[in-house]
Amino acid sequence: MTETILQKLLELELAENIKILYACESGSRAWGFASPDSDFDVRFIYARSVNDYLGITDLPDNLGLPVNEVLDIGGWDIKKALKLFLKSNSALYEWLQSPIVYHGDSLFADDLRKLMSKYFSLRSGANHYLSMAHNTLRDDLQTEQVKLKRYFYALRPALACLWIVEKQSVPSMEFEHLRVMITENEVQNSIDELLERKKIADEKAMITPVPLLNQWLSSTLDYCKERIPELPSEKKYPDELNNIFRKYIQI
């Protein structure tokens, strides 16, 4: 599948006259809990030529290919990406940590990674992950039968939020790294059981709710909600990001 993805990215570059600076896996395959039939969520950042940015016509700030059951490929223009980096967009900060990188200028990604701790807003990031986890717990994990994968869509952001609250740093993208925040052996064992089931189950697999995990999620989110107002929230300035923009549109 990697060869297919690389070919699709090359076709996009040629068809749109762009340069893809970075392309990675962004979904469950990168998070570490893919099912056998999980699709490939490919995300990329691209740049156009200087002349394109100097024109009076507004160009699309995102590109992608039609989504199918196997491939979901989409990306952002470098200007959009850098604006979102400035706003501490959590998805973008995750892309830069992806363990699966398909293509790109390693210097570009490294330049942004060096600035992650400086630009990441702890309070904004924590609120983002808190909302994700809370909504999933409330909307998807309260019925007699629930989708197995939804537990991981609640656990991962809950752990990311807890990471931010406790460590006051950019949370890891990978679920296995985030799990260090769990101190209860019973919770870890319960998660291990779900991971083993997910390895062989399809994306639509249903299970009976796990009260232990629901309780852990609820108490953890309550704790985080109380602590988030204590986190710093500082205005960031784009000077270094402007320099990166000018550096990488020279194609």
Protein backbone atom coordinates (compact mmCIF):
# COMPACT_ATOMS: atom_id res chain seq x y z
CA MET A 1 0.00 0.00 0.00
CA THR A 2 2.91 2.39 0.62
CA GLU A 3 3.84 2.27 -3.08
CA THR A 4 0.26 3.10 -4.02
CA ILE A 5 0.19 6.03 -1.61
CA LEU A 6 3.51 7.38 -2.93
CA GLN A 7 2.21 7.11 -6.50
CA LYS A 8 -0.97 9.00 -5.59
CA LEU A 9 1.06 11.74 -3.93
CA LEU A 10 3.29 12.05 -6.99
CA GLU A 11 0.24 12.31 -9.23
CA LEU A 12 -1.09 15.11 -7.04
CA GLU A 13 2.20 16.98 -7.24
CA LEU A 14 2.23 16.80 -11.04
CA ALA A 15 -1.44 17.56 -11.54
CA GLU A 16 -1.53 20.53 -9.13
CA ASN A 17 2.03 21.84 -9.67
CA ILE A 18 2.84 21.63 -5.99
CA LYS A 19 5.61 20.22 -3.84
CA ILE A 20 4.58 17.95 -0.99
CA LEU A 21 6.77 18.86 1.97
CA TYR A 22 5.50 16.21 4.37
CA ALA A 23 3.07 13.29 4.19
CA CYS A 24 2.19 10.93 7.00
CA GLU A 25 -0.37 8.52 8.41
CA SER A 26 -2.76 10.32 10.73
CA GLY A 27 -5.38 7.83 11.91
CA SER A 28 -5.66 4.57 13.81
CA ARG A 29 -2.69 3.01 12.02
CA ALA A 30 -0.47 5.76 13.42
CA TRP A 31 -2.23 5.88 16.78
CA GLY A 32 -1.52 2.19 17.26
CA PHE A 33 -4.92 0.51 17.32
CA ALA A 34 -5.84 -0.30 13.72
CA SER A 35 -8.34 -2.97 12.78
CA PRO A 36 -7.61 -5.36 9.89
CA ASP A 37 -9.94 -3.32 7.66
CA SER A 38 -8.89 0.16 8.83
CA ASP A 39 -8.41 2.60 5.98
CA PHE A 40 -5.26 4.62 5.39
CA ASP A 41 -5.61 8.24 6.54
CA VAL A 42 -2.87 10.08 4.67
CA ARG A 43 -2.34 13.76 5.47
CA PHE A 44 0.15 16.10 3.83
CA ILE A 45 1.44 19.67 3.74
CA TYR A 46 2.35 21.17 0.38
CA ALA A 47 3.80 24.37 -1.07
CA ARG A 48 3.26 26.22 -4.33
CA SER A 49 5.66 28.48 -6.18
CA VAL A 50 6.43 32.02 -5.04
CA ASN A 51 4.53 33.44 -8.02
CA ASP A 52 1.39 31.62 -7.01
CA TYR A 53 1.45 33.27 -3.58
CA LEU A 54 2.10 36.70 -5.12
CA GLY A 55 -0.97 36.61 -7.38
CA ILE A 56 -4.23 38.39 -6.61
CA THR A 57 -6.33 35.23 -6.94
CA ASP A 58 -7.00 33.24 -3.81
CA LEU A 59 -5.92 29.65 -4.29
CA PRO A 60 -7.47 26.64 -2.55
CA ASP A 61 -5.76 26.01 0.77
CA ASN A 62 -6.42 22.28 0.74
CA LEU A 63 -6.22 19.44 -1.76
CA GLY A 64 -7.18 15.81 -1.76
CA LEU A 65 -8.35 12.79 -3.65
CA PRO A 66 -11.83 11.24 -3.58
CA VAL A 67 -12.20 9.13 -0.45
CA ASN A 68 -12.84 5.41 -0.79
CA GLU A 69 -12.96 2.46 1.62
CA VAL A 70 -9.18 2.07 1.58
CA LEU A 71 -7.63 5.49 1.04
CA ASP A 72 -8.35 8.91 2.51
CA ILE A 73 -5.72 11.32 1.19
CA GLY A 74 -5.88 15.05 1.89
CA GLY A 75 -3.61 17.94 2.73
CA TRP A 76 -3.16 21.61 3.55
CA ASP A 77 -1.28 24.41 1.87
CA ILE A 78 1.78 25.46 3.87
CA LYS A 79 0.26 28.86 4.66
CA LYS A 80 -2.86 27.26 6.12
CA ALA A 81 -0.77 24.72 8.01
CA LEU A 82 1.44 27.39 9.56
CA LYS A 83 -1.58 29.48 10.57
CA LEU A 84 -3.01 26.41 12.28
CA PHE A 85 0.35 25.68 13.90
CA LEU A 86 0.24 29.20 15.34
CA LYS A 87 -3.27 28.46 16.67
CA SER A 88 -2.01 25.22 18.24
CA ASN A 89 -4.10 22.91 16.06
CA SER A 90 -3.79 19.53 17.77
CA ALA A 91 -4.23 17.46 14.62
CA LEU A 92 -1.25 19.16 12.99
CA TYR A 93 0.91 18.65 16.07
CA GLU A 94 -0.03 14.96 15.87
CA TRP A 95 0.90 14.70 12.18
CA LEU A 96 4.40 15.93 13.00
CA GLN A 97 4.80 13.07 15.48
CA SER A 98 3.43 10.32 13.25
CA PRO A 99 5.49 7.11 13.34
CA ILE A 100 4.51 6.49 9.70
CA VAL A 101 5.99 9.07 7.33
CA TYR A 102 5.41 8.43 3.63
CA HIS A 103 7.19 11.31 2.00
CA GLY A 104 8.67 14.70 2.61
CA ASP A 105 11.43 17.15 3.29
CA SER A 106 12.78 16.07 6.67
CA LEU A 107 14.18 19.56 7.25
CA PHE A 108 10.70 21.09 6.97
CA ALA A 109 9.23 18.71 9.52
CA ASP A 110 12.23 19.16 11.80
CA ASP A 111 11.95 22.94 11.62
CA LEU A 112 8.37 22.72 12.87
CA ARG A 113 9.08 20.06 15.47
CA LYS A 114 11.69 22.33 17.05
CA LEU A 115 8.97 24.93 17.60
CA MET A 116 6.25 22.63 18.89
CA SER A 117 6.89 23.12 22.58
CA LYS A 118 7.08 26.88 22.11
CA TYR A 119 3.88 27.32 20.11
CA PHE A 120 1.64 24.62 21.57
CA SER A 121 -1.04 26.14 23.82
CA LEU A 122 -1.47 23.83 26.79
CA ARG A 123 -4.88 25.17 27.72
CA SER A 124 -6.23 25.11 24.17
CA GLY A 125 -4.86 21.63 23.53
CA ALA A 126 -6.25 20.27 26.79
CA ASN A 127 -9.69 21.72 26.09
CA HIS A 128 -9.63 20.21 22.60
CA TYR A 129 -8.87 16.71 23.85
CA LEU A 130 -11.26 17.05 26.79
CA SER A 131 -14.11 17.88 24.42
CA MET A 132 -13.28 14.97 22.11
CA ALA A 133 -13.19 12.45 24.93
CA HIS A 134 -16.24 13.84 26.71
CA ASN A 135 -18.38 13.82 23.56
CA THR A 136 -17.40 10.27 22.68
CA LEU A 137 -18.07 9.01 26.20
CA ARG A 138 -21.45 10.75 26.29
CA ASP A 139 -22.63 9.99 22.76
CA ASP A 140 -21.12 6.61 21.93
CA LEU A 141 -20.43 4.61 25.09
CA GLN A 142 -23.73 4.73 26.99
CA THR A 143 -25.89 2.19 25.12
CA GLU A 144 -26.30 -1.56 25.63
CA GLN A 145 -23.95 -2.25 22.72
CA VAL A 146 -21.18 0.10 21.62
CA LYS A 147 -18.63 0.11 18.84
CA LEU A 148 -15.34 -1.34 20.04
CA LYS A 149 -13.30 1.33 18.28
CA ARG A 150 -15.13 4.12 20.08
CA TYR A 151 -13.41 3.18 23.34
CA PHE A 152 -10.09 4.09 21.79
CA TYR A 153 -11.57 7.28 20.37
CA ALA A 154 -12.39 8.23 23.96
CA LEU A 155 -9.32 6.84 25.71
CA ARG A 156 -6.72 8.42 23.44
CA PRO A 157 -7.91 12.05 23.80
CA ALA A 158 -8.58 11.53 27.51
CA LEU A 159 -4.99 10.39 27.96
CA ALA A 160 -3.70 13.25 25.82
CA CYS A 161 -5.60 15.69 28.01
CA LEU A 162 -4.27 14.08 31.17
CA TRP A 163 -0.74 14.21 29.70
CA ILE A 164 -1.06 17.96 29.13
CA VAL A 165 -2.43 18.56 32.62
CA GLU A 166 0.19 16.45 34.36
CA LYS A 167 3.28 16.87 32.18
CA GLN A 168 2.48 20.32 30.75
CA SER A 169 3.97 19.42 27.38
CA VAL A 170 2.86 18.40 23.89
CA PRO A 171 1.19 14.99 24.22
CA SER A 172 2.43 12.02 22.25
CA MET A 173 0.41 10.93 19.25
CA GLU A 174 0.82 7.19 19.87
CA PHE A 175 -1.57 5.43 22.21
CA GLU A 176 1.11 3.17 23.66
CA HIS A 177 3.12 6.19 24.80
CA LEU A 178 0.06 7.89 26.27
CA ARG A 179 -0.75 4.83 28.36
CA VAL A 180 2.04 5.65 30.79
CA MET A 181 -0.46 8.07 32.33
CA ILE A 182 -2.58 5.18 33.63
CA THR A 183 -1.51 3.95 37.06
CA GLU A 184 -4.27 1.40 37.70
CA ASN A 185 -3.36 -2.16 36.67
CA GLU A 186 -7.01 -3.13 36.24
CA VAL A 187 -7.52 -0.36 33.70
CA GLN A 188 -4.37 -1.33 31.81
CA ASN A 189 -5.48 -4.97 31.72
CA SER A 190 -8.91 -4.01 30.44
CA ILE A 191 -7.34 -1.93 27.67
CA ASP A 192 -5.05 -4.82 26.75
CA GLU A 193 -8.09 -7.05 26.31
CA LEU A 194 -9.77 -4.52 24.02
CA LEU A 195 -6.59 -4.09 21.97
CA GLU A 196 -6.37 -7.85 21.40
CA ARG A 197 -9.99 -7.92 20.29
CA LYS A 198 -9.52 -4.95 17.98
CA LYS A 199 -6.60 -6.60 16.20
CA ILE A 200 -8.95 -9.23 14.78
CA ALA A 201 -12.26 -7.34 14.69
CA ASP A 202 -13.59 -5.20 11.86
CA GLU A 203 -14.33 -1.51 12.18
CA LYS A 204 -18.02 -2.14 12.88
CA ALA A 205 -17.50 -4.62 15.75
CA MET A 206 -19.81 -4.10 18.71
CA ILE A 207 -19.20 -4.95 22.37
CA THR A 208 -20.91 -4.64 25.73
CA PRO A 209 -19.78 -1.46 27.54
CA VAL A 210 -16.92 -1.82 30.00
CA PRO A 211 -18.00 -0.15 33.28
CA LEU A 212 -14.43 0.06 34.58
CA LEU A 213 -13.30 2.06 31.56
CA ASN A 214 -16.38 4.25 31.57
CA GLN A 215 -15.74 5.10 35.20
CA TRP A 216 -12.06 5.77 34.57
CA LEU A 217 -12.93 8.05 31.66
CA SER A 218 -15.53 9.94 33.65
CA SER A 219 -13.31 10.51 36.70
CA THR A 220 -10.26 11.40 34.59
CA LEU A 221 -12.18 13.95 32.55
CA ASP A 222 -13.65 15.50 35.70
CA TYR A 223 -10.15 15.81 37.14
CA CYS A 224 -8.78 17.37 33.96
CA LYS A 225 -11.67 19.81 33.70
CA GLU A 226 -10.82 21.14 37.16
CA ARG A 227 -7.12 21.51 36.34
CA ILE A 228 -7.28 23.02 32.85
CA PRO A 229 -7.95 26.62 34.01
CA GLU A 230 -4.59 26.50 35.78
CA LEU A 231 -2.73 25.92 32.51
CA PRO A 232 -1.01 28.85 30.79
CA SER A 233 -2.51 30.42 27.69
CA GLU A 234 -0.14 32.87 26.04
CA LYS A 235 -0.38 34.76 22.78
CA LYS A 236 2.16 33.54 20.23
CA TYR A 237 3.76 35.59 17.49
CA PRO A 238 4.34 34.32 13.94
CA ASP A 239 7.85 35.63 13.21
CA GLU A 240 9.55 32.21 13.11
CA LEU A 241 6.67 30.71 11.16
CA ASN A 242 6.87 33.50 8.58
CA ASN A 243 10.53 32.60 8.10
CA ILE A 244 9.62 28.94 7.56
CA PHE A 245 6.96 29.95 5.02
CA ARG A 246 9.43 32.03 3.01
CA LYS A 247 12.03 29.27 3.18
CA TYR A 248 9.87 26.48 1.81
CA ILE A 249 7.94 28.20 -0.99
CA GLN A 250 11.15 28.40 -3.01
CA ILE A 251 10.27 25.58 -5.40
